[in-house]
Amino acid sequence: MFLEKNVPLQPYNTFGIAAKAQALVRVRSEDDLRAVLADPQLATLPRQVLGGGSNIVLTGDVKALVLKVEVPGLRLFSETDKHWVVEAGAGVDWHDLVAWTLDHGYPGLENMALIPGTVGASPVQNIGAYGVELQDRFDSLDAMDMLTGELFSLNAAQCGFSYRDSVFKHASGGADGLGLAGRAVILRVRFALPKRWKPELGYLDLERKMQETGIHNPDAQQIFDWVVGIRRAKLPDPAVIGNAGSFFKNPSVTPEQCADIIAREPKVVHYPMPDGSIKLAAGWLIDACGWKGKTVGHAGVYEKQALVLVNRGGRENPCTGGEVMTLAKAIQTSVYERFGIRLEPEPVVI
């Protein structure tokens, strides 16, 4: 274990917000976590886990001990009659994992190509895109309990997955509490990828690609290429324009609520869900309120996709976390006043 002091975090958050970590440890194995727990000065400090920094908004310097997860590794873990089980270290770039699985003939993650962040963060957020969520491909994970130092594994049911949510986003109510926020550090994640693969093509953007190309039975690599192209056309590259991806969750409403909104706003973009609820496109709601392209200080709404908030000041004059949250709250107010819907942010505010 190597402890670093006063570490600039601007390179480690995709928004490009300038902030510092008072203390940072790079976690490349469970031994690094054990060393933190064995150090009397570090063991009692509050902790902040940091992966790819693609889902956070820093509102100031981080006083907690930052655990920068950089666990490497990609391998075929096991195989069954129905699945290939692939294991990845928590520090592996998510998109690199998706590309690696396809290169090795293991399809199933292609709809989630180009989602920013690390493998270790993927179960926390239950990431998803274009009709596929992490929980659809999840097998199990290994983590360390930072209260006891014990290693443990969880299956999908134990992770408590729901829309952009998991047990890792909720604080524990005690020693036997279910929440693992602030308590567990994910080290490795395993994915069950189907041998009897079939394409997931239920999203409008993918249907358009089929019509444009005339390819109606795409393979996994073709879907991967389509998704990468769609995302690059719609979403800014964090290396060029700082952002945290989709800033708000798509809200779910009852069919009755949706019918009421459609009566007032016939063009509202909506999707029926398997549980009978209706998911509304948060980007459409924000755009309808006139926010696309607007700015607050150095924080702005992306011109091509209203769901994305961006750093207008670049690396030299970056937006602050305060500006981002002021803009986000103004958007929430507008959407609520017009549609009666409360938008919930996706990123973690630190």
Protein backbone atom coordinates (compact mmCIF):
# COMPACT_ATOMS: atom_id res chain seq x y z
CA MET A 1 0.00 0.00 0.00
CA PHE A 2 1.20 3.50 -0.86
CA LEU A 3 -0.51 6.54 0.68
CA GLU A 4 -0.61 9.75 -1.39
CA LYS A 5 -1.43 13.18 0.10
CA ASN A 6 -3.20 16.20 -1.47
CA VAL A 7 -3.91 14.39 -4.73
CA PRO A 8 -5.59 16.45 -7.52
CA LEU A 9 -8.83 14.70 -8.48
CA GLN A 10 -9.50 16.62 -11.70
CA PRO A 11 -7.97 13.79 -13.83
CA TYR A 12 -10.05 11.23 -11.91
CA ASN A 13 -13.55 12.60 -12.48
CA THR A 14 -15.03 12.80 -15.97
CA PHE A 15 -16.72 16.13 -15.23
CA GLY A 16 -13.23 17.61 -14.90
CA ILE A 17 -14.12 19.41 -11.66
CA ALA A 18 -11.06 20.68 -9.77
CA ALA A 19 -10.78 19.22 -6.27
CA LYS A 20 -8.23 17.42 -4.11
CA ALA A 21 -8.17 14.29 -2.00
CA GLN A 22 -6.46 14.91 1.32
CA ALA A 23 -5.36 11.27 1.27
CA LEU A 24 -5.58 8.57 -1.43
CA VAL A 25 -4.71 4.87 -1.59
CA ARG A 26 -4.61 2.94 -4.87
CA VAL A 27 -6.32 -0.43 -4.40
CA ARG A 28 -4.88 -3.08 -6.72
CA SER A 29 -5.71 -6.11 -4.58
CA GLU A 30 -7.37 -7.08 -1.31
CA ASP A 31 -3.95 -6.78 0.34
CA ASP A 32 -4.10 -3.01 -0.13
CA LEU A 33 -7.44 -2.89 1.69
CA ARG A 34 -6.07 -5.07 4.48
CA ALA A 35 -3.15 -2.67 4.82
CA VAL A 36 -5.59 0.24 5.23
CA LEU A 37 -7.45 -1.61 7.97
CA ALA A 38 -4.17 -2.55 9.70
CA ASP A 39 -2.95 1.06 9.78
CA PRO A 40 -4.16 2.70 13.03
CA GLN A 41 -4.25 6.16 11.44
CA LEU A 42 -6.15 5.09 8.30
CA ALA A 43 -8.47 2.48 9.79
CA THR A 44 -10.64 5.04 11.59
CA LEU A 45 -10.96 7.52 8.69
CA PRO A 46 -14.19 7.82 6.69
CA ARG A 47 -13.70 6.40 3.20
CA GLN A 48 -14.73 7.30 -0.33
CA VAL A 49 -14.46 4.63 -3.02
CA LEU A 50 -13.47 5.99 -6.45
CA GLY A 51 -13.56 4.02 -9.68
CA GLY A 52 -13.58 5.75 -13.05
CA GLY A 53 -15.10 8.94 -11.62
CA SER A 54 -17.78 8.92 -14.30
CA ASN A 55 -20.75 9.06 -11.96
CA ILE A 56 -19.76 11.65 -9.36
CA VAL A 57 -20.06 15.39 -8.81
CA LEU A 58 -17.36 16.81 -6.54
CA THR A 59 -18.58 19.82 -4.59
CA GLY A 60 -15.29 20.43 -2.78
CA ASP A 61 -12.08 18.78 -1.59
CA VAL A 62 -12.57 15.23 -0.32
CA LYS A 63 -11.66 14.88 3.34
CA ALA A 64 -12.40 11.16 3.49
CA LEU A 65 -9.69 8.63 2.59
CA VAL A 66 -10.11 8.01 -1.15
CA LEU A 67 -9.81 4.36 -2.14
CA LYS A 68 -8.95 4.51 -5.85
CA VAL A 69 -9.92 1.05 -7.13
CA GLU A 70 -7.51 -0.20 -9.80
CA VAL A 71 -7.87 -4.01 -9.53
CA PRO A 72 -6.85 -5.51 -12.91
CA GLY A 73 -7.68 -8.78 -14.66
CA LEU A 74 -9.86 -10.30 -17.38
CA ARG A 75 -10.49 -14.03 -17.77
CA LEU A 76 -12.99 -16.77 -18.56
CA PHE A 77 -13.84 -17.86 -15.02
CA SER A 78 -16.00 -20.90 -15.75
CA GLU A 79 -18.39 -22.42 -18.26
CA THR A 80 -21.78 -24.15 -18.08
CA ASP A 81 -24.08 -25.65 -20.69
CA LYS A 82 -25.87 -22.30 -20.96
CA HIS A 83 -23.29 -19.64 -20.12
CA TRP A 84 -19.73 -18.43 -20.29
CA VAL A 85 -18.87 -16.85 -16.95
CA VAL A 86 -16.39 -14.01 -17.45
CA GLU A 87 -14.57 -12.34 -14.53
CA ALA A 88 -13.14 -8.81 -14.54
CA GLY A 89 -11.19 -6.86 -11.96
CA ALA A 90 -13.05 -3.89 -10.49
CA GLY A 91 -10.53 -1.43 -11.94
CA VAL A 92 -11.00 -2.59 -15.56
CA ASP A 93 -12.57 -0.02 -17.89
CA TRP A 94 -16.15 -1.11 -18.62
CA HIS A 95 -15.97 -0.54 -22.37
CA ASP A 96 -12.70 -2.46 -22.52
CA LEU A 97 -14.47 -5.41 -20.89
CA VAL A 98 -17.30 -5.28 -23.45
CA ALA A 99 -14.84 -5.20 -26.35
CA TRP A 100 -12.78 -8.04 -24.81
CA THR A 101 -15.82 -10.31 -24.44
CA LEU A 102 -16.73 -9.88 -28.11
CA ASP A 103 -13.12 -10.40 -29.23
CA HIS A 104 -13.17 -13.73 -27.38
CA GLY A 105 -16.57 -14.85 -28.68
CA TYR A 106 -18.67 -14.17 -25.57
CA PRO A 107 -21.66 -12.00 -26.61
CA GLY A 108 -24.22 -10.40 -24.31
CA LEU A 109 -22.81 -7.05 -23.17
CA GLU A 110 -22.82 -5.31 -26.58
CA ASN A 111 -25.87 -3.10 -25.85
CA MET A 112 -23.92 -1.56 -22.98
CA ALA A 113 -20.90 -0.57 -25.07
CA LEU A 114 -19.22 2.77 -24.38
CA ILE A 115 -20.82 3.29 -20.97
CA PRO A 116 -18.13 5.21 -19.07
CA GLY A 117 -16.67 3.98 -15.80
CA THR A 118 -15.14 0.86 -14.33
CA VAL A 119 -16.35 -2.69 -13.87
CA GLY A 120 -16.47 -2.25 -10.10
CA ALA A 121 -18.96 0.58 -10.38
CA SER A 122 -21.27 -1.31 -12.72
CA PRO A 123 -23.17 -3.31 -10.05
CA VAL A 124 -23.45 -0.27 -7.77
CA GLN A 125 -25.42 1.63 -10.39
CA ASN A 126 -26.92 -1.44 -12.10
CA ILE A 127 -25.88 0.21 -15.35
CA GLY A 128 -27.90 -0.33 -18.48
CA ALA A 129 -28.50 0.87 -22.03
CA TYR A 130 -30.57 0.00 -25.09
CA GLY A 131 -32.76 -2.60 -23.40
CA VAL A 132 -30.12 -4.47 -21.37
CA GLU A 133 -29.21 -3.92 -17.71
CA LEU A 134 -26.27 -5.29 -15.78
CA GLN A 135 -28.60 -7.47 -13.69
CA ASP A 136 -29.57 -9.32 -16.91
CA ARG A 137 -25.97 -10.53 -17.33
CA PHE A 138 -24.75 -10.60 -13.73
CA ASP A 139 -23.42 -13.75 -12.07
CA SER A 140 -21.69 -12.75 -8.83
CA LEU A 141 -19.06 -10.48 -7.31
CA ASP A 142 -16.33 -10.50 -4.67
CA ALA A 143 -15.94 -7.66 -2.19
CA MET A 144 -14.34 -6.82 1.13
CA ASP A 145 -16.26 -5.74 4.20
CA MET A 146 -14.35 -2.69 5.41
CA LEU A 147 -15.80 -3.05 8.90
CA THR A 148 -14.55 -6.59 9.46
CA GLY A 149 -11.89 -7.07 6.77
CA GLU A 150 -13.64 -10.21 5.56
CA LEU A 151 -13.99 -11.14 1.89
CA PHE A 152 -17.47 -12.14 0.73
CA SER A 153 -19.36 -12.92 -2.47
CA LEU A 154 -22.86 -11.89 -3.55
CA ASN A 155 -25.20 -13.25 -6.19
CA ALA A 156 -27.75 -11.17 -8.10
CA ALA A 157 -30.53 -11.56 -5.53
CA GLN A 158 -28.22 -10.46 -2.72
CA CYS A 159 -27.24 -7.32 -4.65
CA GLY A 160 -30.84 -6.06 -4.56
CA PHE A 161 -30.79 -4.72 -8.11
CA SER A 162 -33.45 -2.33 -9.35
CA TYR A 163 -33.43 0.56 -11.84
CA ARG A 164 -30.03 2.28 -11.40
CA ASP A 165 -29.94 0.97 -7.85
CA SER A 166 -28.44 -1.76 -5.69
CA VAL A 167 -27.61 -2.66 -2.10
CA PHE A 168 -24.33 -0.73 -2.56
CA LYS A 169 -26.18 2.61 -2.75
CA HIS A 170 -27.91 2.23 0.62
CA ALA A 171 -26.39 2.64 4.06
CA SER A 172 -26.49 -0.24 6.51
CA GLY A 173 -28.89 -0.01 9.42
CA GLY A 174 -26.41 -1.86 11.63
CA ALA A 175 -24.29 -5.00 11.73
CA ASP A 176 -27.10 -7.02 10.16
CA GLY A 177 -28.40 -4.25 7.91
CA LEU A 178 -28.76 -4.92 4.21
CA GLY A 179 -27.18 -1.73 2.93
CA LEU A 180 -23.51 -1.82 1.95
CA ALA A 181 -22.83 1.82 1.05
CA GLY A 182 -19.62 2.95 2.70
CA ARG A 183 -18.98 -0.56 3.94
CA ALA A 184 -18.11 -2.78 0.97
CA VAL A 185 -15.40 -2.38 -1.66
CA ILE A 186 -16.00 -4.43 -4.81
CA LEU A 187 -12.90 -6.26 -6.06
CA ARG A 188 -14.08 -8.50 -8.92
CA VAL A 189 -17.31 -8.98 -10.88
CA ARG A 190 -18.47 -12.02 -12.86
CA PHE A 191 -20.91 -12.01 -15.78
CA ALA A 192 -22.97 -14.91 -17.16
CA LEU A 193 -23.01 -14.50 -20.94
CA PRO A 194 -25.50 -16.64 -22.88
CA LYS A 195 -24.32 -19.34 -25.27
CA ARG A 196 -27.74 -19.23 -26.94
CA TRP A 197 -27.43 -15.54 -27.65
CA LYS A 198 -30.18 -13.51 -29.24
CA PRO A 199 -30.08 -9.80 -30.13
CA GLU A 200 -31.84 -7.20 -27.98
CA LEU A 201 -33.24 -4.74 -30.52
CA GLY A 202 -36.26 -3.20 -28.81
CA TYR A 203 -34.99 0.39 -28.77
CA LEU A 204 -35.99 2.96 -31.38
CA ASP A 205 -32.39 3.92 -32.19
CA LEU A 206 -31.51 0.31 -32.95
CA GLU A 207 -34.67 -0.16 -35.02
CA ARG A 208 -33.61 2.89 -37.06
CA LYS A 209 -30.18 1.36 -37.61
CA MET A 210 -31.77 -1.80 -38.95
CA GLN A 211 -33.89 0.22 -41.35
CA GLU A 212 -30.95 2.40 -42.46
CA THR A 213 -28.60 -0.53 -43.06
CA GLY A 214 -31.04 -3.18 -44.17
CA ILE A 215 -29.48 -5.53 -41.60
CA HIS A 216 -32.37 -7.16 -39.74
CA ASN A 217 -30.45 -9.99 -38.08
CA PRO A 218 -27.36 -8.27 -36.68
CA ASP A 219 -24.72 -10.18 -34.78
CA ALA A 220 -23.32 -8.98 -31.47
CA GLN A 221 -20.40 -7.13 -33.07
CA GLN A 222 -22.80 -5.26 -35.36
CA ILE A 223 -24.93 -4.18 -32.39
CA PHE A 224 -21.76 -3.11 -30.56
CA ASP A 225 -20.75 -0.96 -33.55
CA TRP A 226 -24.24 0.55 -33.79
CA VAL A 227 -24.37 1.39 -30.08
CA VAL A 228 -20.92 2.98 -30.17
CA GLY A 229 -21.95 5.09 -33.17
CA ILE A 230 -25.24 6.14 -31.58
CA ARG A 231 -23.63 7.09 -28.28
CA ARG A 232 -20.82 9.04 -29.95
CA ALA A 233 -23.35 10.98 -32.04
CA LYS A 234 -25.50 11.85 -29.03
CA LEU A 235 -23.15 12.12 -26.08
CA PRO A 236 -20.03 14.23 -25.57
CA ASP A 237 -16.66 12.52 -25.10
CA PRO A 238 -15.58 13.29 -21.48
CA ALA A 239 -12.00 13.69 -22.74
CA VAL A 240 -13.21 16.64 -24.82
CA ILE A 241 -16.18 18.03 -22.86
CA GLY A 242 -16.36 17.13 -19.18
CA ASN A 243 -19.58 15.37 -18.17
CA ALA A 244 -20.97 12.53 -16.08
CA GLY A 245 -23.14 10.96 -18.76
CA SER A 246 -26.89 10.85 -18.21
CA PHE A 247 -27.47 13.15 -15.26
CA PHE A 248 -31.05 12.17 -14.41
CA LYS A 249 -32.84 8.85 -14.17
CA ASN A 250 -35.74 8.23 -16.52
CA PRO A 251 -38.80 8.51 -14.25
CA SER A 252 -41.49 5.82 -14.10
CA VAL A 253 -45.19 6.67 -13.84
CA THR A 254 -48.45 4.75 -13.80
CA PRO A 255 -50.39 4.29 -17.05
CA GLU A 256 -52.97 6.75 -15.70
CA GLN A 257 -50.31 9.39 -15.03
CA CYS A 258 -48.83 8.82 -18.48
CA ALA A 259 -52.24 9.18 -20.13
CA ASP A 260 -52.73 12.47 -18.30
CA ILE A 261 -49.36 13.76 -19.52
CA ILE A 262 -50.03 12.57 -23.09
CA ALA A 263 -53.33 14.45 -23.06
CA ARG A 264 -51.35 17.64 -22.43
CA GLU A 265 -48.11 16.71 -24.22
CA PRO A 266 -48.92 14.24 -27.06
CA LYS A 267 -45.27 14.00 -28.17
CA VAL A 268 -43.84 12.87 -24.81
CA VAL A 269 -41.41 9.98 -25.33
CA HIS A 270 -42.44 6.97 -23.24
CA TYR A 271 -41.80 3.23 -22.99
CA PRO A 272 -44.03 0.55 -21.41
CA MET A 273 -42.22 -1.58 -18.85
CA PRO A 274 -42.72 -5.29 -18.02
CA ASP A 275 -44.17 -4.42 -14.59
CA GLY A 276 -46.96 -2.35 -16.16
CA SER A 277 -45.43 1.04 -15.39
CA ILE A 278 -44.45 3.56 -18.04
CA LYS A 279 -40.93 4.99 -18.28
CA LEU A 280 -40.65 8.57 -19.53
CA ALA A 281 -37.58 9.94 -21.31
CA ALA A 282 -36.07 12.45 -18.88
CA GLY A 283 -34.12 14.11 -21.70
CA TRP A 284 -37.37 14.84 -23.55
CA LEU A 285 -38.92 16.38 -20.42
CA ILE A 286 -35.88 18.61 -19.90
CA ASP A 287 -35.79 19.63 -23.56
CA ALA A 288 -39.50 20.46 -23.46
CA CYS A 289 -38.78 22.86 -20.60
CA GLY A 290 -36.30 24.72 -22.81
CA TRP A 291 -33.07 23.79 -21.06
CA LYS A 292 -31.06 22.40 -23.98
CA GLY A 293 -27.96 24.57 -24.49
CA LYS A 294 -28.57 26.72 -21.37
CA THR A 295 -25.81 27.45 -18.84
CA VAL A 296 -25.33 28.37 -15.18
CA GLY A 297 -21.82 29.71 -14.65
CA HIS A 298 -19.53 27.18 -16.33
CA ALA A 299 -22.07 24.34 -16.12
CA GLY A 300 -24.37 23.75 -19.07
CA VAL A 301 -26.90 21.47 -20.72
CA TYR A 302 -25.50 19.69 -23.78
CA GLU A 303 -26.91 20.96 -27.08
CA LYS A 304 -27.39 17.50 -28.57
CA GLN A 305 -28.82 15.72 -25.51
CA ALA A 306 -30.65 17.54 -22.73
CA LEU A 307 -30.08 14.63 -20.34
CA VAL A 308 -26.36 15.45 -20.16
CA LEU A 309 -24.89 18.30 -18.10
CA VAL A 310 -21.45 19.46 -19.20
CA ASN A 311 -18.39 21.41 -18.07
CA ARG A 312 -18.34 24.54 -20.27
CA GLY A 313 -15.12 25.86 -18.74
CA GLY A 314 -12.87 23.02 -19.86
CA ARG A 315 -9.84 21.98 -17.82
CA GLU A 316 -8.52 25.52 -17.48
CA ASN A 317 -11.65 27.15 -16.04
CA PRO A 318 -13.76 24.18 -14.94
CA CYS A 319 -17.25 24.40 -13.60
CA THR A 320 -17.66 23.83 -9.88
CA GLY A 321 -19.77 21.15 -8.30
CA GLY A 322 -21.92 23.95 -6.88
CA GLU A 323 -22.66 25.25 -10.38
CA VAL A 324 -23.58 21.77 -11.57
CA MET A 325 -25.99 21.22 -8.69
CA THR A 326 -27.52 24.70 -9.03
CA LEU A 327 -28.25 23.92 -12.68
CA ALA A 328 -29.58 20.46 -11.81
CA LYS A 329 -31.96 21.86 -9.17
CA ALA A 330 -33.26 24.52 -11.56
CA ILE A 331 -34.00 21.79 -14.13
CA GLN A 332 -35.75 19.67 -11.50
CA THR A 333 -37.94 22.64 -10.55
CA SER A 334 -38.89 23.34 -14.16
CA VAL A 335 -39.83 19.73 -14.88
CA TYR A 336 -41.86 19.44 -11.70
CA GLU A 337 -43.75 22.66 -12.32
CA ARG A 338 -44.64 21.64 -15.88
CA PHE A 339 -45.17 17.88 -15.59
CA GLY A 340 -45.58 17.18 -11.88
CA ILE A 341 -42.61 14.78 -12.05
CA ARG A 342 -39.58 14.84 -9.77
CA LEU A 343 -36.37 13.98 -11.60
CA GLU A 344 -33.77 12.06 -9.60
CA PRO A 345 -30.06 12.62 -10.33
CA GLU A 346 -27.94 9.59 -11.25
CA PRO A 347 -24.47 10.79 -10.11
CA VAL A 348 -23.30 10.63 -6.52
CA VAL A 349 -22.75 14.10 -5.05
CA ILE A 350 -19.63 14.26 -2.88
